[in-house]
Amino acid sequence: MKFGTFALTEADAMQKKEQLRAIKNLSSSDYVNLFLANSWQGLQFNLTEVQAYDYNQVCERMKVPTTIFRPNYNYALLLEDGNITMQMGTETKRVYAPAAFFISAGQIISVQAVSENIAGTLVVLENESLNRIFSEMELLKILQIPPMIPLSQVDNDIVNGIARMILREYNSPKYELQVLIALVQALLYKLVKHSGINDLRTKNHLIAIQFKELVYKNFASKKNISFYTSTLEVSENYLNRCTQQIFGKSAKRFVLEVAILQSQLLLQDLHKSVTEVAYELNFEDASYFSRLFRKITGLTPSAYKHQIFPDQETDDG
């Protein structure tokens, strides 16, 4: 079985390019229209609060790699077999089963590759389901855990057992939403437990997470580390120790990577020039922006745009 090898008609390809120009925050139905071949026929796709799908069947229809995007929904992916390469924020990782992912709305992601033997369950949680799910306050910790959670084989059996129950309930002719919610709560409890979040609550971890939140709110206008050290009331050396420990990079590198990540979203606009993107992100020197983009991504901004729109003339000025 090969993934991502189906042929699109020229009209379909043009339609998808037009959608990419306009959409950067994607709903679950946007995801279907942009990245899956033809339709989700046979997968019982419904815009309900909670959805569940056999991930192997999703991958059979998926065009890989996807462009980077922000989902405006949440999802858990329980990987039972195979491996997947995903970009999550500024990091790209190949992850082997057994493992679990929890991606909350607003995170920047891309599926880069999936193995032919991929197997697992995808559980989609629309935002309107969260009030019900988070009626148990302990589950709010799911929003603070790392997006990828390695699992032991024993933990994998338990977590995927719950996921298969969710899938069976969702595919039943008259599924009950309250049953789905209860099963999802049980699944999230397990993910929180196995994430080790309670062991990570050191001062360094808290500073790193607060820094990350500040960066995502201010990266366009605040690239100087002094803003973050002043806000967090820590020294630059201490902040760098925290970010190196938690993220594996300096604070300055983290800020610049987030800015370049956002530029990748902006460059998906066919008619927006590289210079315009640089200035929109408050890089005063467009040539510096281009050099930084290449250093971080391995491509020039123009090459990145041509990779997305290979048959189109782009505004690269």
Protein backbone atom coordinates (compact mmCIF):
# COMPACT_ATOMS: atom_id res chain seq x y z
CA MET A 1 0.00 0.00 0.00
CA LYS A 2 1.34 3.43 -0.94
CA PHE A 3 0.26 6.66 0.74
CA GLY A 4 -0.03 10.07 -0.88
CA THR A 5 0.33 8.87 -4.47
CA PHE A 6 -3.17 9.53 -5.85
CA ALA A 7 -3.57 11.82 -8.85
CA LEU A 8 -5.52 15.09 -8.68
CA THR A 9 -7.15 16.64 -11.71
CA GLU A 10 -5.88 20.07 -12.71
CA ALA A 11 -9.16 21.61 -11.57
CA ASP A 12 -8.90 19.89 -8.16
CA ALA A 13 -5.31 21.03 -7.76
CA MET A 14 -6.22 24.64 -8.55
CA GLN A 15 -9.14 24.52 -6.11
CA LYS A 16 -6.89 23.23 -3.30
CA LYS A 17 -4.34 25.97 -3.99
CA GLU A 18 -7.07 28.60 -3.80
CA GLN A 19 -8.18 27.15 -0.47
CA LEU A 20 -4.63 27.23 0.89
CA ARG A 21 -4.34 30.91 0.04
CA ALA A 22 -7.38 31.72 2.14
CA ILE A 23 -7.16 29.20 4.99
CA LYS A 24 -4.50 28.90 7.63
CA ASN A 25 -6.68 27.99 10.60
CA LEU A 26 -8.39 24.77 9.52
CA SER A 27 -11.57 23.14 10.75
CA SER A 28 -11.90 19.36 10.59
CA SER A 29 -13.98 19.69 7.42
CA ASP A 30 -11.33 22.02 5.89
CA TYR A 31 -8.78 19.28 6.59
CA VAL A 32 -10.89 16.77 4.67
CA ASN A 33 -11.24 19.10 1.68
CA LEU A 34 -7.56 20.07 1.55
CA PHE A 35 -5.59 16.97 2.41
CA LEU A 36 -7.73 13.91 1.71
CA ALA A 37 -8.37 12.34 -1.70
CA ASN A 38 -11.91 12.98 -2.93
CA SER A 39 -13.83 12.35 0.30
CA TRP A 40 -14.01 10.39 3.52
CA GLN A 41 -16.35 7.89 1.95
CA GLY A 42 -16.64 4.87 4.23
CA LEU A 43 -15.29 6.75 7.26
CA GLN A 44 -18.59 8.19 8.53
CA PHE A 45 -17.33 11.76 8.65
CA ASN A 46 -19.72 13.95 10.65
CA LEU A 47 -19.28 17.38 12.18
CA THR A 48 -20.20 16.13 15.63
CA GLU A 49 -18.60 17.20 18.91
CA VAL A 50 -16.59 13.97 19.15
CA GLN A 51 -15.43 11.94 16.14
CA ALA A 52 -13.34 8.78 15.83
CA TYR A 53 -11.60 7.21 12.84
CA ASP A 54 -9.38 4.27 11.98
CA TYR A 55 -6.11 6.09 11.26
CA ASN A 56 -4.97 3.56 8.66
CA GLN A 57 -8.10 4.36 6.62
CA VAL A 58 -7.45 8.09 7.04
CA CYS A 59 -3.86 7.66 5.79
CA GLU A 60 -5.03 5.71 2.74
CA ARG A 61 -6.84 8.90 1.66
CA MET A 62 -4.27 11.43 2.87
CA LYS A 63 -1.95 13.41 0.62
CA VAL A 64 1.40 13.53 2.41
CA PRO A 65 3.13 15.82 3.23
CA THR A 66 0.48 18.29 4.28
CA THR A 67 1.31 21.98 4.42
CA ILE A 68 1.68 23.43 7.91
CA PHE A 69 -1.60 24.64 9.44
CA ARG A 70 -3.34 25.44 12.70
CA PRO A 71 -6.31 23.18 13.49
CA ASN A 72 -9.19 24.95 15.21
CA TYR A 73 -10.16 21.62 16.72
CA ASN A 74 -8.36 19.25 19.11
CA TYR A 75 -7.38 15.66 18.52
CA ALA A 76 -5.76 12.63 20.06
CA LEU A 77 -3.86 10.18 17.86
CA LEU A 78 -3.17 6.78 19.42
CA LEU A 79 -0.43 5.11 17.40
CA GLU A 80 -0.60 1.33 17.66
CA ASP A 81 1.80 0.30 14.88
CA GLY A 82 4.13 1.90 12.35
CA ASN A 83 5.61 5.38 12.51
CA ILE A 84 4.72 8.95 11.61
CA THR A 85 6.85 12.02 10.94
CA MET A 86 5.19 15.19 12.21
CA GLN A 87 6.11 18.83 12.48
CA MET A 88 4.77 20.17 15.77
CA GLY A 89 5.59 23.82 16.24
CA THR A 90 9.27 24.29 15.50
CA GLU A 91 10.18 20.60 15.89
CA THR A 92 9.95 17.80 13.33
CA LYS A 93 10.11 14.28 14.73
CA ARG A 94 9.65 10.73 13.50
CA VAL A 95 7.71 8.84 16.17
CA TYR A 96 7.39 5.07 16.37
CA ALA A 97 4.53 3.15 17.94
CA PRO A 98 3.55 2.71 20.65
CA ALA A 99 2.93 6.42 21.25
CA ALA A 100 0.15 8.93 21.69
CA PHE A 101 -0.31 12.53 20.55
CA PHE A 102 -2.60 15.21 21.87
CA ILE A 103 -2.79 18.26 19.62
CA SER A 104 -4.79 21.18 20.99
CA ALA A 105 -6.45 23.83 18.83
CA GLY A 106 -4.08 26.51 17.58
CA GLN A 107 -0.89 24.44 17.53
CA ILE A 108 1.02 24.59 14.25
CA ILE A 109 1.40 21.13 12.75
CA SER A 110 2.09 19.21 9.55
CA VAL A 111 2.10 15.50 8.72
CA GLN A 112 5.34 14.91 6.80
CA ALA A 113 5.27 11.14 6.29
CA VAL A 114 3.53 7.95 7.47
CA SER A 115 4.69 4.36 7.20
CA GLU A 116 2.75 1.80 5.16
CA ASN A 117 1.99 -0.27 8.26
CA ILE A 118 0.50 2.66 10.18
CA ALA A 119 -2.28 1.66 12.59
CA GLY A 120 -4.12 3.49 15.31
CA THR A 121 -7.14 5.58 16.19
CA LEU A 122 -7.79 9.27 15.58
CA VAL A 123 -10.16 10.96 18.05
CA VAL A 124 -11.29 14.46 17.03
CA LEU A 125 -12.65 16.81 19.71
CA GLU A 126 -14.41 19.91 18.42
CA ASN A 127 -14.11 22.88 20.76
CA GLU A 128 -17.78 22.73 21.77
CA SER A 129 -17.09 19.34 23.40
CA LEU A 130 -14.45 20.72 25.78
CA ASN A 131 -16.82 22.15 28.39
CA ARG A 132 -18.30 18.69 28.85
CA ILE A 133 -14.94 16.93 28.84
CA PHE A 134 -13.23 19.39 31.19
CA SER A 135 -16.00 19.24 33.78
CA GLU A 136 -13.34 17.15 35.54
CA MET A 137 -10.76 19.84 36.37
CA GLU A 138 -7.87 17.36 36.51
CA LEU A 139 -8.23 16.91 32.75
CA LEU A 140 -7.22 20.52 32.10
CA LYS A 141 -3.65 19.25 32.49
CA ILE A 142 -4.01 17.70 29.02
CA LEU A 143 -3.50 21.22 27.63
CA GLN A 144 -0.13 21.50 29.38
CA ILE A 145 1.48 18.19 28.45
CA PRO A 146 3.97 17.72 25.59
CA PRO A 147 2.13 16.91 22.33
CA MET A 148 3.86 13.50 22.00
CA ILE A 149 3.68 10.87 24.75
CA PRO A 150 5.74 7.65 24.46
CA LEU A 151 3.95 4.60 25.83
CA SER A 152 5.11 1.24 27.15
CA GLN A 153 3.54 -1.80 25.52
CA VAL A 154 1.32 -2.36 28.58
CA ASP A 155 0.18 1.29 28.59
CA ASN A 156 -0.34 1.11 24.83
CA ASP A 157 -2.67 -1.87 25.20
CA ILE A 158 -4.78 -0.03 27.77
CA VAL A 159 -4.89 3.31 25.90
CA ASN A 160 -5.67 1.72 22.54
CA GLY A 161 -8.28 -0.49 24.17
CA ILE A 162 -10.11 2.69 25.26
CA ALA A 163 -9.58 4.22 21.80
CA ARG A 164 -11.12 1.18 20.10
CA MET A 165 -14.14 1.46 22.40
CA ILE A 166 -14.51 5.11 21.32
CA LEU A 167 -14.28 4.04 17.67
CA ARG A 168 -16.89 1.29 18.09
CA GLU A 169 -19.29 3.63 19.88
CA TYR A 170 -18.85 6.35 17.23
CA ASN A 171 -19.49 3.87 14.41
CA SER A 172 -22.56 2.34 16.04
CA PRO A 173 -25.86 3.23 14.30
CA LYS A 174 -27.17 5.17 17.31
CA TYR A 175 -24.15 6.23 19.31
CA GLU A 176 -24.65 8.22 22.51
CA LEU A 177 -22.64 11.40 22.92
CA GLN A 178 -22.51 11.08 26.70
CA VAL A 179 -20.95 7.63 26.39
CA LEU A 180 -18.36 9.04 23.97
CA ILE A 181 -17.59 11.89 26.38
CA ALA A 182 -17.09 9.45 29.27
CA LEU A 183 -14.76 7.28 27.17
CA VAL A 184 -12.79 10.35 26.00
CA GLN A 185 -12.41 11.46 29.63
CA ALA A 186 -11.02 8.03 30.52
CA LEU A 187 -8.60 8.25 27.58
CA LEU A 188 -7.38 11.73 28.56
CA TYR A 189 -6.91 10.67 32.19
CA LYS A 190 -4.56 7.94 30.97
CA LEU A 191 -2.64 10.33 28.70
CA VAL A 192 -2.21 12.85 31.53
CA LYS A 193 -0.98 10.09 33.85
CA HIS A 194 1.53 8.73 31.34
CA SER A 195 2.75 12.18 30.27
CA GLY A 196 4.62 12.54 33.56
CA ILE A 197 3.39 16.14 33.88
CA ASN A 198 3.35 15.97 37.67
CA ASP A 199 7.07 15.10 37.61
CA LEU A 200 7.88 18.00 35.30
CA ARG A 201 6.61 20.78 37.50
CA THR A 202 10.04 22.16 38.36
CA LYS A 203 10.73 25.89 38.42
CA ASN A 204 12.75 25.55 35.20
CA HIS A 205 9.82 23.87 33.48
CA LEU A 206 7.36 26.55 34.61
CA ILE A 207 9.66 29.36 33.42
CA ALA A 208 10.14 27.64 30.05
CA ILE A 209 6.37 27.20 29.56
CA GLN A 210 5.66 30.81 30.57
CA PHE A 211 8.36 31.94 28.14
CA LYS A 212 6.84 29.83 25.35
CA GLU A 213 3.40 31.38 25.94
CA LEU A 214 4.90 34.89 25.89
CA VAL A 215 6.77 34.18 22.65
CA TYR A 216 3.67 32.96 20.81
CA LYS A 217 1.85 36.14 21.85
CA ASN A 218 4.66 38.61 21.11
CA PHE A 219 7.13 37.11 18.60
CA ALA A 220 6.23 39.54 15.79
CA SER A 221 6.99 42.67 17.81
CA LYS A 222 9.35 41.39 20.52
CA LYS A 223 12.39 39.51 19.26
CA ASN A 224 14.78 40.95 21.83
CA ILE A 225 15.33 38.56 24.73
CA SER A 226 15.42 41.45 27.22
CA PHE A 227 11.64 41.80 26.89
CA TYR A 228 11.13 38.21 28.02
CA THR A 229 13.70 38.27 30.83
CA SER A 230 12.18 41.52 32.14
CA THR A 231 8.62 40.14 32.00
CA LEU A 232 9.61 36.87 33.67
CA GLU A 233 11.98 38.63 36.09
CA VAL A 234 14.87 36.27 35.38
CA SER A 235 18.37 36.72 33.97
CA GLU A 236 19.18 35.86 30.36
CA ASN A 237 21.57 33.12 31.49
CA TYR A 238 18.89 31.50 33.66
CA LEU A 239 16.28 31.74 30.90
CA ASN A 240 18.69 30.06 28.48
CA ARG A 241 19.28 27.25 30.99
CA CYS A 242 15.53 26.71 31.22
CA THR A 243 14.95 26.68 27.47
CA GLN A 244 17.96 24.45 26.83
CA GLN A 245 16.71 21.97 29.42
CA ILE A 246 13.09 21.88 28.22
CA PHE A 247 13.30 22.73 24.50
CA GLY A 248 16.92 21.92 23.68
CA LYS A 249 17.71 25.40 22.31
CA SER A 250 18.52 28.92 23.43
CA ALA A 251 15.78 31.47 24.11
CA LYS A 252 16.84 33.58 21.11
CA ARG A 253 16.76 30.56 18.79
CA PHE A 254 13.27 29.68 20.05
CA VAL A 255 11.94 33.19 19.33
CA LEU A 256 13.40 33.23 15.81
CA GLU A 257 12.10 29.73 15.02
CA VAL A 258 8.57 30.73 16.05
CA ALA A 259 8.79 33.83 13.83
CA ILE A 260 9.97 31.75 10.86
CA LEU A 261 7.23 29.22 11.53
CA GLN A 262 4.65 32.01 11.27
CA SER A 263 6.30 33.23 8.09
CA GLN A 264 5.73 29.79 6.55
CA LEU A 265 2.00 30.26 7.13
CA LEU A 266 2.07 33.75 5.61
CA LEU A 267 4.02 32.54 2.57
CA GLN A 268 1.13 30.24 1.74
CA ASP A 269 -0.55 33.36 0.33
CA LEU A 270 0.33 33.17 -3.36
CA HIS A 271 0.16 36.93 -3.84
CA LYS A 272 2.12 37.99 -0.75
CA SER A 273 5.78 38.73 -1.49
CA VAL A 274 8.72 37.63 0.63
CA THR A 275 9.46 41.28 1.43
CA GLU A 276 5.86 41.86 2.58
CA VAL A 277 6.04 38.83 4.87
CA ALA A 278 9.35 40.02 6.31
CA TYR A 279 7.94 43.46 7.10
CA GLU A 280 4.68 42.02 8.46
CA LEU A 281 6.78 40.12 11.01
CA ASN A 282 8.82 43.25 11.78
CA PHE A 283 12.07 42.14 10.18
CA GLU A 284 13.49 45.48 9.04
CA ASP A 285 15.91 43.82 6.62
CA ALA A 286 14.26 41.42 4.13
CA SER A 287 17.62 39.93 3.15
CA TYR A 288 18.32 39.07 6.82
CA PHE A 289 14.88 37.45 7.00
CA SER A 290 15.68 35.36 3.90
CA ARG A 291 19.03 34.24 5.33
CA LEU A 292 17.41 33.33 8.65
CA PHE A 293 14.59 31.47 6.89
CA ARG A 294 17.12 29.39 4.95
CA LYS A 295 19.22 28.72 8.04
CA ILE A 296 16.20 27.36 9.94
CA THR A 297 14.27 25.57 7.15
CA GLY A 298 16.99 24.69 4.66
CA LEU A 299 15.10 26.55 1.89
CA THR A 300 14.95 30.15 0.76
CA PRO A 301 11.50 31.78 1.20
CA SER A 302 11.09 31.82 -2.60
CA ALA A 303 11.94 28.11 -2.87
CA TYR A 304 9.45 27.38 -0.08
CA LYS A 305 6.69 29.24 -1.97
CA HIS A 306 7.50 27.41 -5.20
CA GLN A 307 7.35 24.11 -3.30
CA ILE A 308 3.75 24.90 -2.31
CA PHE A 309 2.74 26.42 -5.67
CA PRO A 310 5.02 24.66 -8.20
CA ASP A 311 2.96 25.59 -11.23
CA GLN A 312 2.19 29.17 -10.27
CA GLU A 313 4.06 32.44 -10.74
CA THR A 314 4.57 33.83 -7.24
CA ASP A 315 5.30 37.33 -5.95
CA ASP A 316 8.84 36.85 -4.63
CA GLY A 317 9.90 40.45 -4.30
